[in-house]
């Protein structure tokens, strides 16, 4: 399979249990939202690895629109999946929001309830629900390199010279790079598959794995179990580079961070659809359906576009000044089913290589 990169244009986009908190419920009469009924109140339990920015923008709006009170369990993707699997005989969650993708669907085929959102047809064909089980709502940039400009200066490096994955191999950066565990973190897995796509003569070939081996050497034993520890640690000056994803990086910049710079590797960045799915036999089934309808509705997609991620419905343009337009980014296109098919083997290969260091 040949690797290919090209600039993304709008016409082609037809495509991490740590804390538990309850969001504030708005006790007002819901307003009508496309694909939802607002007369059915009640509760909804959501397991999610999503960032604070995504949570704080979407959940209050959903509660206000529907009158449904959300209990949010925040945890890494792997922890969410492990818990849903352990609870499958007596489900406690209604929805997995974020972290859900084609690979997860293939890996855990019996954990999800079949449902196609009433708003699915409004999404570009490449992002519509073709499996019948999960609803795409946002596009996640899997390759985002967050640089701490102060640490670069301390290391005697020009931050403006750093433009690519290849620059992660700079000797001066050894032991100063934060990377997640691709066997446990969905964002770290997406980063690894992105690297394998763009760093070989052909996608996912031996040369790409040779580059990954060199990258591992420069990590100097640093692998973080939490995706949030990557961008938070980089922001705090614990690392010079955080190998992260777009949303939290943009969130930090939006919140006023002045010691950070976001780089999209010039070799190419993959944008993957992030999805939500209803847990099989969810205790609050109808409310779960309303949530999937809401996040894919015009209102939900506008909320996404107004935040730090990109909406799956590309008719909604992002308004965040810290998000680089697609026209200025080299975009790589991933063969999603092929990567999902090879996920277990590639994770095992990563583990074998890492333990041999």
Foldseek 3Di string as FASTA:
>chain_A
DFWDWDFDDPVPLLAFQPDWDWDDADQDQAADFPQADQPDEEEAEEEEQDDPQLCVLQQRNLRRRRVYTYTYRHGFLLVVVVVLVVCQVPGDHFKYFWPDDPLVCVVCVQFFDFAAGPLQVLFRPHQGDPPRFKHFWFWWWLFKKKFQQVVCVVLVHDPVVDAAPVCLLPLSQQCQEEAAQLVQHVSNVSNLQQQQSQQDSGRNDPRSVVVVLSSLRSNVLHYDNGLVCQVVCNLVPSHRIRRHIFQVSLVCVVVPRPRMDMHGHQSAIEIHTIIMGTTVPRPPNSVSSNSSNRCSTPNNQLSQLAGGTHTSRNVHHHDRPRDDDSSPGIHTYDPVVVCSVCVVVVSVVVVVSNVVD
